[in-house]
Amino acid sequence: MRGHCYSVTVVSPLCAIPMIAAFLLLVPGRLGVSAPGWGALAGIAGLFGIVLLYQGLASGAMAVVAPVTAVTSALVPSSAGWR
């Protein structure tokens, strides 16, 4: 079964909303003033990344897209952690 990359990108996070709500209620702690802004920025970046990944995989260039995505998704967080 094939789905359009935009519909998959929108529907799959909506399925996670109940789990996110449960974690917000169960995990102790406070949200800072800047937390919603950082969360929105991360969500937008994730949205664009997933759309590009799905478009690349749908184009048939999986042998190129999958390794580049894997290396990039490992390098970005690890390089940010070196501060």
PDB file of N, CA and C in Angstrom:
ATOM      1  N   MET A   1       0.847  -1.176   0.000  1.00  0.00           N
ATOM      2  CA  MET A   1       0.000   0.000   0.000  1.00  0.00           C
ATOM      3  C   MET A   1       0.888   1.234   0.000  1.00  0.00           C
ATOM      4  N   ARG A   2       0.574   2.188  -0.837  1.00  0.00           N
ATOM      5  CA  ARG A   2       1.351   3.420  -0.923  1.00  0.00           C
ATOM      6  C   ARG A   2       0.500   4.588  -0.465  1.00  0.00           C
ATOM      7  N   GLY A   3       1.148   5.501   0.203  1.00  0.00           N
ATOM      8  CA  GLY A   3       0.485   6.723   0.631  1.00  0.00           C
ATOM      9  C   GLY A   3       1.313   7.920   0.202  1.00  0.00           C
ATOM     10  N   HIS A   4       0.669   9.027   0.038  1.00  0.00           N
ATOM     11  CA  HIS A   4       1.377  10.246  -0.324  1.00  0.00           C
ATOM     12  C   HIS A   4       2.230  10.686   0.856  1.00  0.00           C
ATOM     13  N   CYS A   5       3.445  11.190   0.584  1.00  0.00           N
ATOM     14  CA  CYS A   5       4.368  11.506   1.679  1.00  0.00           C
ATOM     15  C   CYS A   5       3.814  12.588   2.602  1.00  0.00           C
ATOM     16  N   TYR A   6       3.034  13.506   2.083  1.00  0.00           N
ATOM     17  CA  TYR A   6       2.483  14.563   2.939  1.00  0.00           C
ATOM     18  C   TYR A   6       1.401  14.009   3.880  1.00  0.00           C
ATOM     19  N   SER A   7       0.569  13.112   3.382  1.00  0.00           N
ATOM     20  CA  SER A   7      -0.474  12.563   4.248  1.00  0.00           C
ATOM     21  C   SER A   7       0.127  11.676   5.332  1.00  0.00           C
ATOM     22  N   VAL A   8       1.156  10.913   5.010  1.00  0.00           N
ATOM     23  CA  VAL A   8       1.820  10.084   6.013  1.00  0.00           C
ATOM     24  C   VAL A   8       2.487  10.964   7.061  1.00  0.00           C
ATOM     25  N   THR A   9       3.086  12.063   6.623  1.00  0.00           N
ATOM     26  CA  THR A   9       3.772  12.975   7.543  1.00  0.00           C
ATOM     27  C   THR A   9       2.800  13.651   8.491  1.00  0.00           C
ATOM     28  N   VAL A  10       1.587  13.900   8.059  1.00  0.00           N
ATOM     29  CA  VAL A  10       0.605  14.573   8.919  1.00  0.00           C
ATOM     30  C   VAL A  10      -0.105  13.578   9.827  1.00  0.00           C
ATOM     31  N   VAL A  11      -0.476  12.419   9.319  1.00  0.00           N
ATOM     32  CA  VAL A  11      -1.284  11.472  10.086  1.00  0.00           C
ATOM     33  C   VAL A  11      -0.464  10.763  11.159  1.00  0.00           C
ATOM     34  N   SER A  12       0.776  10.395  10.871  1.00  0.00           N
ATOM     35  CA  SER A  12       1.546   9.627  11.849  1.00  0.00           C
ATOM     36  C   SER A  12       1.810  10.391  13.145  1.00  0.00           C
ATOM     37  N   PRO A  13       2.161  11.678  13.146  1.00  0.00           N
ATOM     38  CA  PRO A  13       2.310  12.376  14.431  1.00  0.00           C
ATOM     39  C   PRO A  13       0.989  12.547  15.178  1.00  0.00           C
ATOM     40  N   LEU A  14      -0.111  12.653  14.458  1.00  0.00           N
ATOM     41  CA  LEU A  14      -1.401  12.784  15.126  1.00  0.00           C
ATOM     42  C   LEU A  14      -1.726  11.530  15.940  1.00  0.00           C
ATOM     43  N   CYS A  15      -1.239  10.391  15.484  1.00  0.00           N
ATOM     44  CA  CYS A  15      -1.461   9.152  16.227  1.00  0.00           C
ATOM     45  C   CYS A  15      -0.669   9.127  17.534  1.00  0.00           C
ATOM     46  N   ALA A  16       0.361   9.943  17.649  1.00  0.00           N
ATOM     47  CA  ALA A  16       1.202   9.976  18.847  1.00  0.00           C
ATOM     48  C   ALA A  16       0.684  10.939  19.913  1.00  0.00           C
ATOM     49  N   ILE A  17      -0.316  11.735  19.610  1.00  0.00           N
ATOM     50  CA  ILE A  17      -0.797  12.747  20.562  1.00  0.00           C
ATOM     51  C   ILE A  17      -1.260  12.129  21.888  1.00  0.00           C
ATOM     52  N   PRO A  18      -1.990  11.014  21.917  1.00  0.00           N
ATOM     53  CA  PRO A  18      -2.365  10.449  23.221  1.00  0.00           C
ATOM     54  C   PRO A  18      -1.154  10.050  24.076  1.00  0.00           C
ATOM     55  N   MET A  19      -0.119   9.500  23.461  1.00  0.00           N
ATOM     56  CA  MET A  19       1.071   9.115  24.211  1.00  0.00           C
ATOM     57  C   MET A  19       1.812  10.345  24.729  1.00  0.00           C
ATOM     58  N   ILE A  20       1.894  11.391  23.933  1.00  0.00           N
ATOM     59  CA  ILE A  20       2.543  12.625  24.372  1.00  0.00           C
ATOM     60  C   ILE A  20       1.781  13.230  25.543  1.00  0.00           C
ATOM     61  N   ALA A  21       0.466  13.231  25.462  1.00  0.00           N
ATOM     62  CA  ALA A  21      -0.345  13.770  26.560  1.00  0.00           C
ATOM     63  C   ALA A  21      -0.135  12.966  27.839  1.00  0.00           C
ATOM     64  N   ALA A  22      -0.035  11.655  27.725  1.00  0.00           N
ATOM     65  CA  ALA A  22       0.205  10.817  28.904  1.00  0.00           C
ATOM     66  C   ALA A  22       1.564  11.128  29.521  1.00  0.00           C
ATOM     67  N   PHE A  23       2.583  11.299  28.696  1.00  0.00           N
ATOM     68  CA  PHE A  23       3.911  11.630  29.218  1.00  0.00           C
ATOM     69  C   PHE A  23       3.923  12.994  29.888  1.00  0.00           C
ATOM     70  N   LEU A  24       3.211  13.950  29.326  1.00  0.00           N
ATOM     71  CA  LEU A  24       3.158  15.272  29.948  1.00  0.00           C
ATOM     72  C   LEU A  24       2.513  15.219  31.333  1.00  0.00           C
ATOM     73  N   LEU A  25       1.541  14.337  31.500  1.00  0.00           N
ATOM     74  CA  LEU A  25       0.876  14.217  32.795  1.00  0.00           C
ATOM     75  C   LEU A  25       1.682  13.391  33.801  1.00  0.00           C
ATOM     76  N   LEU A  26       2.428  12.408  33.327  1.00  0.00           N
ATOM     77  CA  LEU A  26       3.103  11.484  34.225  1.00  0.00           C
ATOM     78  C   LEU A  26       4.539  11.877  34.585  1.00  0.00           C
ATOM     79  N   VAL A  27       5.237  12.557  33.691  1.00  0.00           N
ATOM     80  CA  VAL A  27       6.640  12.899  33.930  1.00  0.00           C
ATOM     81  C   VAL A  27       6.707  14.203  34.711  1.00  0.00           C
ATOM     82  N   PRO A  28       7.409  14.197  35.850  1.00  0.00           N
ATOM     83  CA  PRO A  28       7.481  15.418  36.647  1.00  0.00           C
ATOM     84  C   PRO A  28       8.417  16.443  36.011  1.00  0.00           C
ATOM     85  N   GLY A  29       8.225  17.690  36.371  1.00  0.00           N
ATOM     86  CA  GLY A  29       9.086  18.757  35.878  1.00  0.00           C
ATOM     87  C   GLY A  29       8.278  19.946  35.428  1.00  0.00           C
ATOM     88  N   ARG A  30       8.999  20.995  35.097  1.00  0.00           N
ATOM     89  CA  ARG A  30       8.354  22.222  34.636  1.00  0.00           C
ATOM     90  C   ARG A  30       8.837  22.569  33.245  1.00  0.00           C
ATOM     91  N   LEU A  31       7.975  23.201  32.504  1.00  0.00           N
ATOM     92  CA  LEU A  31       8.364  23.717  31.198  1.00  0.00           C
ATOM     93  C   LEU A  31       8.827  25.156  31.358  1.00  0.00           C
ATOM     94  N   GLY A  32       9.966  25.465  30.782  1.00  0.00           N
ATOM     95  CA  GLY A  32      10.458  26.834  30.821  1.00  0.00           C
ATOM     96  C   GLY A  32       9.713  27.703  29.827  1.00  0.00           C
ATOM     97  N   VAL A  33      10.020  28.990  29.870  1.00  0.00           N
ATOM     98  CA  VAL A  33       9.354  29.942  28.981  1.00  0.00           C
ATOM     99  C   VAL A  33       9.720  29.676  27.524  1.00  0.00           C
ATOM    100  N   SER A  34      10.964  29.277  27.274  1.00  0.00           N
ATOM    101  CA  SER A  34      11.403  29.073  25.899  1.00  0.00           C
ATOM    102  C   SER A  34      11.084  27.675  25.366  1.00  0.00           C
ATOM    103  N   ALA A  35      10.576  26.776  26.196  1.00  0.00           N
ATOM    104  CA  ALA A  35      10.327  25.401  25.778  1.00  0.00           C
ATOM    105  C   ALA A  35       9.343  25.295  24.611  1.00  0.00           C
ATOM    106  N   PRO A  36       8.212  26.006  24.618  1.00  0.00           N
ATOM    107  CA  PRO A  36       7.304  25.894  23.471  1.00  0.00           C
ATOM    108  C   PRO A  36       7.942  26.383  22.163  1.00  0.00           C
ATOM    109  N   GLY A  37       8.753  27.411  22.238  1.00  0.00           N
ATOM    110  CA  GLY A  37       9.422  27.910  21.035  1.00  0.00           C
ATOM    111  C   GLY A  37      10.411  26.904  20.475  1.00  0.00           C
ATOM    112  N   TRP A  38      11.231  26.328  21.372  1.00  0.00           N
ATOM    113  CA  TRP A  38      12.170  25.301  20.924  1.00  0.00           C
ATOM    114  C   TRP A  38      11.439  24.071  20.405  1.00  0.00           C
ATOM    115  N   GLY A  39      10.338  23.728  21.047  1.00  0.00           N
ATOM    116  CA  GLY A  39       9.548  22.592  20.587  1.00  0.00           C
ATOM    117  C   GLY A  39       8.948  22.822  19.212  1.00  0.00           C
ATOM    118  N   ALA A  40       8.452  24.043  18.986  1.00  0.00           N
ATOM    119  CA  ALA A  40       7.891  24.379  17.666  1.00  0.00           C
ATOM    120  C   ALA A  40       8.972  24.353  16.597  1.00  0.00           C
ATOM    121  N   LEU A  41      10.138  24.896  16.918  1.00  0.00           N
ATOM    122  CA  LEU A  41      11.252  24.900  15.960  1.00  0.00           C
ATOM    123  C   LEU A  41      11.689  23.473  15.631  1.00  0.00           C
ATOM    124  N   ALA A  42      11.779  22.629  16.652  1.00  0.00           N
ATOM    125  CA  ALA A  42      12.139  21.228  16.420  1.00  0.00           C
ATOM    126  C   ALA A  42      11.074  20.506  15.606  1.00  0.00           C
ATOM    127  N   GLY A  43       9.808  20.811  15.868  1.00  0.00           N
ATOM    128  CA  GLY A  43       8.729  20.190  15.103  1.00  0.00           C
ATOM    129  C   GLY A  43       8.748  20.577  13.639  1.00  0.00           C
ATOM    130  N   ILE A  44       9.012  21.843  13.367  1.00  0.00           N
ATOM    131  CA  ILE A  44       9.084  22.309  11.973  1.00  0.00           C
ATOM    132  C   ILE A  44      10.262  21.680  11.260  1.00  0.00           C
ATOM    133  N   ALA A  45      11.420  21.630  11.927  1.00  0.00           N
ATOM    134  CA  ALA A  45      12.595  21.004  11.316  1.00  0.00           C
ATOM    135  C   ALA A  45      12.347  19.520  11.074  1.00  0.00           C
ATOM    136  N   GLY A  46      11.711  18.848  12.032  1.00  0.00           N
ATOM    137  CA  GLY A  46      11.394  17.436  11.862  1.00  0.00           C
ATOM    138  C   GLY A  46      10.415  17.194  10.727  1.00  0.00           C
ATOM    139  N   LEU A  47       9.438  18.083  10.598  1.00  0.00           N
ATOM    140  CA  LEU A  47       8.466  17.969   9.510  1.00  0.00           C
ATOM    141  C   LEU A  47       9.159  18.024   8.152  1.00  0.00           C
ATOM    142  N   PHE A  48      10.024  19.020   7.967  1.00  0.00           N
ATOM    143  CA  PHE A  48      10.727  19.135   6.690  1.00  0.00           C
ATOM    144  C   PHE A  48      11.647  17.945   6.452  1.00  0.00           C
ATOM    145  N   GLY A  49      12.307  17.473   7.510  1.00  0.00           N
ATOM    146  CA  GLY A  49      13.192  16.322   7.358  1.00  0.00           C
ATOM    147  C   GLY A  49      12.448  15.063   6.952  1.00  0.00           C
ATOM    148  N   ILE A  50      11.321  14.804   7.578  1.00  0.00           N
ATOM    149  CA  ILE A  50      10.549  13.603   7.255  1.00  0.00           C
ATOM    150  C   ILE A  50       9.965  13.684   5.847  1.00  0.00           C
ATOM    151  N   VAL A  51       9.469  14.868   5.470  1.00  0.00           N
ATOM    152  CA  VAL A  51       8.925  15.017   4.112  1.00  0.00           C
ATOM    153  C   VAL A  51      10.017  14.754   3.083  1.00  0.00           C
ATOM    154  N   LEU A  52      11.217  15.308   3.310  1.00  0.00           N
ATOM    155  CA  LEU A  52      12.310  15.079   2.370  1.00  0.00           C
ATOM    156  C   LEU A  52      12.730  13.613   2.343  1.00  0.00           C
ATOM    157  N   LEU A  53      12.744  12.963   3.505  1.00  0.00           N
ATOM    158  CA  LEU A  53      13.084  11.539   3.544  1.00  0.00           C
ATOM    159  C   LEU A  53      12.070  10.725   2.757  1.00  0.00           C
ATOM    160  N   TYR A  54      10.790  10.944   3.002  1.00  0.00           N
ATOM    161  CA  TYR A  54       9.761  10.178   2.290  1.00  0.00           C
ATOM    162  C   TYR A  54       9.778  10.459   0.791  1.00  0.00           C
ATOM    163  N   GLN A  55      10.026  11.704   0.414  1.00  0.00           N
ATOM    164  CA  GLN A  55      10.101  12.003  -1.012  1.00  0.00           C
ATOM    165  C   GLN A  55      11.294  11.309  -1.654  1.00  0.00           C
ATOM    166  N   GLY A  56      12.413  11.302  -0.950  1.00  0.00           N
ATOM    167  CA  GLY A  56      13.592  10.617  -1.479  1.00  0.00           C
ATOM    168  C   GLY A  56      13.378   9.124  -1.605  1.00  0.00           C
ATOM    169  N   LEU A  57      12.771   8.522  -0.596  1.00  0.00           N
ATOM    170  CA  LEU A  57      12.508   7.087  -0.661  1.00  0.00           C
ATOM    171  C   LEU A  57      11.482   6.762  -1.741  1.00  0.00           C
ATOM    172  N   ALA A  58      10.484   7.622  -1.910  1.00  0.00           N
ATOM    173  CA  ALA A  58       9.461   7.388  -2.933  1.00  0.00           C
ATOM    174  C   ALA A  58      10.013   7.543  -4.341  1.00  0.00           C
ATOM    175  N   SER A  59      11.083   8.321  -4.492  1.00  0.00           N
ATOM    176  CA  SER A  59      11.655   8.516  -5.830  1.00  0.00           C
ATOM    177  C   SER A  59      12.407   7.282  -6.308  1.00  0.00           C
ATOM    178  N   GLY A  60      12.673   6.343  -5.414  1.00  0.00           N
ATOM    179  CA  GLY A  60      13.350   5.117  -5.815  1.00  0.00           C
ATOM    180  C   GLY A  60      14.839   5.133  -5.546  1.00  0.00           C
ATOM    181  N   ALA A  61      15.377   6.238  -5.040  1.00  0.00           N
ATOM    182  CA  ALA A  61      16.801   6.344  -4.779  1.00  0.00           C
ATOM    183  C   ALA A  61      17.120   5.911  -3.349  1.00  0.00           C
ATOM    184  N   MET A  62      16.556   4.777  -2.939  1.00  0.00           N
ATOM    185  CA  MET A  62      16.694   4.333  -1.551  1.00  0.00           C
ATOM    186  C   MET A  62      18.135   4.026  -1.178  1.00  0.00           C
ATOM    187  N   ALA A  63      18.922   3.534  -2.131  1.00  0.00           N
ATOM    188  CA  ALA A  63      20.313   3.180  -1.847  1.00  0.00           C
ATOM    189  C   ALA A  63      21.156   4.410  -1.529  1.00  0.00           C
ATOM    190  N   VAL A  64      20.707   5.571  -1.950  1.00  0.00           N
ATOM    191  CA  VAL A  64      21.416   6.811  -1.646  1.00  0.00           C
ATOM    192  C   VAL A  64      20.771   7.513  -0.459  1.00  0.00           C
ATOM    193  N   VAL A  65      19.461   7.582  -0.448  1.00  0.00           N
ATOM    194  CA  VAL A  65      18.738   8.349   0.568  1.00  0.00           C
ATOM    195  C   VAL A  65      18.899   7.738   1.956  1.00  0.00           C
ATOM    196  N   ALA A  66      18.776   6.441   2.082  1.00  0.00           N
ATOM    197  CA  ALA A  66      18.813   5.800   3.399  1.00  0.00           C
ATOM    198  C   ALA A  66      20.154   5.997   4.107  1.00  0.00           C
ATOM    199  N   PRO A  67      21.305   5.759   3.465  1.00  0.00           N
ATOM    200  CA  PRO A  67      22.566   5.970   4.178  1.00  0.00           C
ATOM    201  C   PRO A  67      22.853   7.440   4.487  1.00  0.00           C
ATOM    202  N   VAL A  68      22.500   8.330   3.564  1.00  0.00           N
ATOM    203  CA  VAL A  68      22.722   9.758   3.818  1.00  0.00           C
ATOM    204  C   VAL A  68      21.870  10.219   4.996  1.00  0.00           C
ATOM    205  N   THR A  69      20.634   9.750   5.064  1.00  0.00           N
ATOM    206  CA  THR A  69      19.760  10.095   6.179  1.00  0.00           C
ATOM    207  C   THR A  69      20.303   9.537   7.490  1.00  0.00           C
ATOM    208  N   ALA A  70      20.789   8.319   7.469  1.00  0.00           N
ATOM    209  CA  ALA A  70      21.313   7.701   8.687  1.00  0.00           C
ATOM    210  C   ALA A  70      22.534   8.455   9.208  1.00  0.00           C
ATOM    211  N   VAL A  71      23.447   8.798   8.323  1.00  0.00           N
ATOM    212  CA  VAL A  71      24.652   9.513   8.748  1.00  0.00           C
ATOM    213  C   VAL A  71      24.304  10.911   9.234  1.00  0.00           C
ATOM    214  N   THR A  72      23.423  11.597   8.534  1.00  0.00           N
ATOM    215  CA  THR A  72      23.036  12.953   8.935  1.00  0.00           C
ATOM    216  C   THR A  72      22.309  12.943  10.267  1.00  0.00           C
ATOM    217  N   SER A  73      21.417  11.983  10.451  1.00  0.00           N
ATOM    218  CA  SER A  73      20.666  11.944  11.701  1.00  0.00           C
ATOM    219  C   SER A  73      21.554  11.550  12.881  1.00  0.00           C
ATOM    220  N   ALA A  74      22.709  10.958  12.632  1.00  0.00           N
ATOM    221  CA  ALA A  74      23.650  10.660  13.711  1.00  0.00           C
ATOM    222  C   ALA A  74      24.615  11.820  13.953  1.00  0.00           C
ATOM    223  N   LEU A  75      25.010  12.506  12.888  1.00  0.00           N
ATOM    224  CA  LEU A  75      26.003  13.576  13.013  1.00  0.00           C
ATOM    225  C   LEU A  75      25.446  14.849  13.637  1.00  0.00           C
ATOM    226  N   VAL A  76      24.237  15.208  13.294  1.00  0.00           N
ATOM    227  CA  VAL A  76      23.683  16.473  13.792  1.00  0.00           C
ATOM    228  C   VAL A  76      23.566  16.465  15.309  1.00  0.00           C
ATOM    229  N   PRO A  77      22.945  15.473  15.945  1.00  0.00           N
ATOM    230  CA  PRO A  77      22.868  15.516  17.409  1.00  0.00           C
ATOM    231  C   PRO A  77      24.234  15.351  18.087  1.00  0.00           C
ATOM    232  N   SER A  78      25.096  14.506  17.518  1.00  0.00           N
ATOM    233  CA  SER A  78      26.396  14.307  18.162  1.00  0.00           C
ATOM    234  C   SER A  78      27.270  15.541  18.032  1.00  0.00           C
ATOM    235  N   SER A  79      27.178  16.262  16.927  1.00  0.00           N
ATOM    236  CA  SER A  79      27.971  17.499  16.816  1.00  0.00           C
ATOM    237  C   SER A  79      27.407  18.602  17.711  1.00  0.00           C
ATOM    238  N   ALA A  80      26.121  18.610  17.942  1.00  0.00           N
ATOM    239  CA  ALA A  80      25.537  19.600  18.851  1.00  0.00           C
ATOM    240  C   ALA A  80      25.907  19.285  20.296  1.00  0.00           C
ATOM    241  N   GLY A  81      26.189  18.046  20.602  1.00  0.00           N
ATOM    242  CA  GLY A  81      26.550  17.662  21.953  1.00  0.00           C
ATOM    243  C   GLY A  81      27.991  17.982  22.316  1.00  0.00           C
ATOM    244  N   TRP A  82      28.807  18.371  21.345  1.00  0.00           N
ATOM    245  CA  TRP A  82      30.223  18.660  21.593  1.00  0.00           C
ATOM    246  C   TRP A  82      30.460  20.067  22.130  1.00  0.00           C
ATOM    247  N   ARG A  83      29.429  20.858  22.313  1.00  0.00           N
ATOM    248  CA  ARG A  83      29.626  22.240  22.756  1.00  0.00           C
ATOM    249  C   ARG A  83      30.344  22.294  24.027  1.00  0.00           C
TER     250      ARG A  83
END
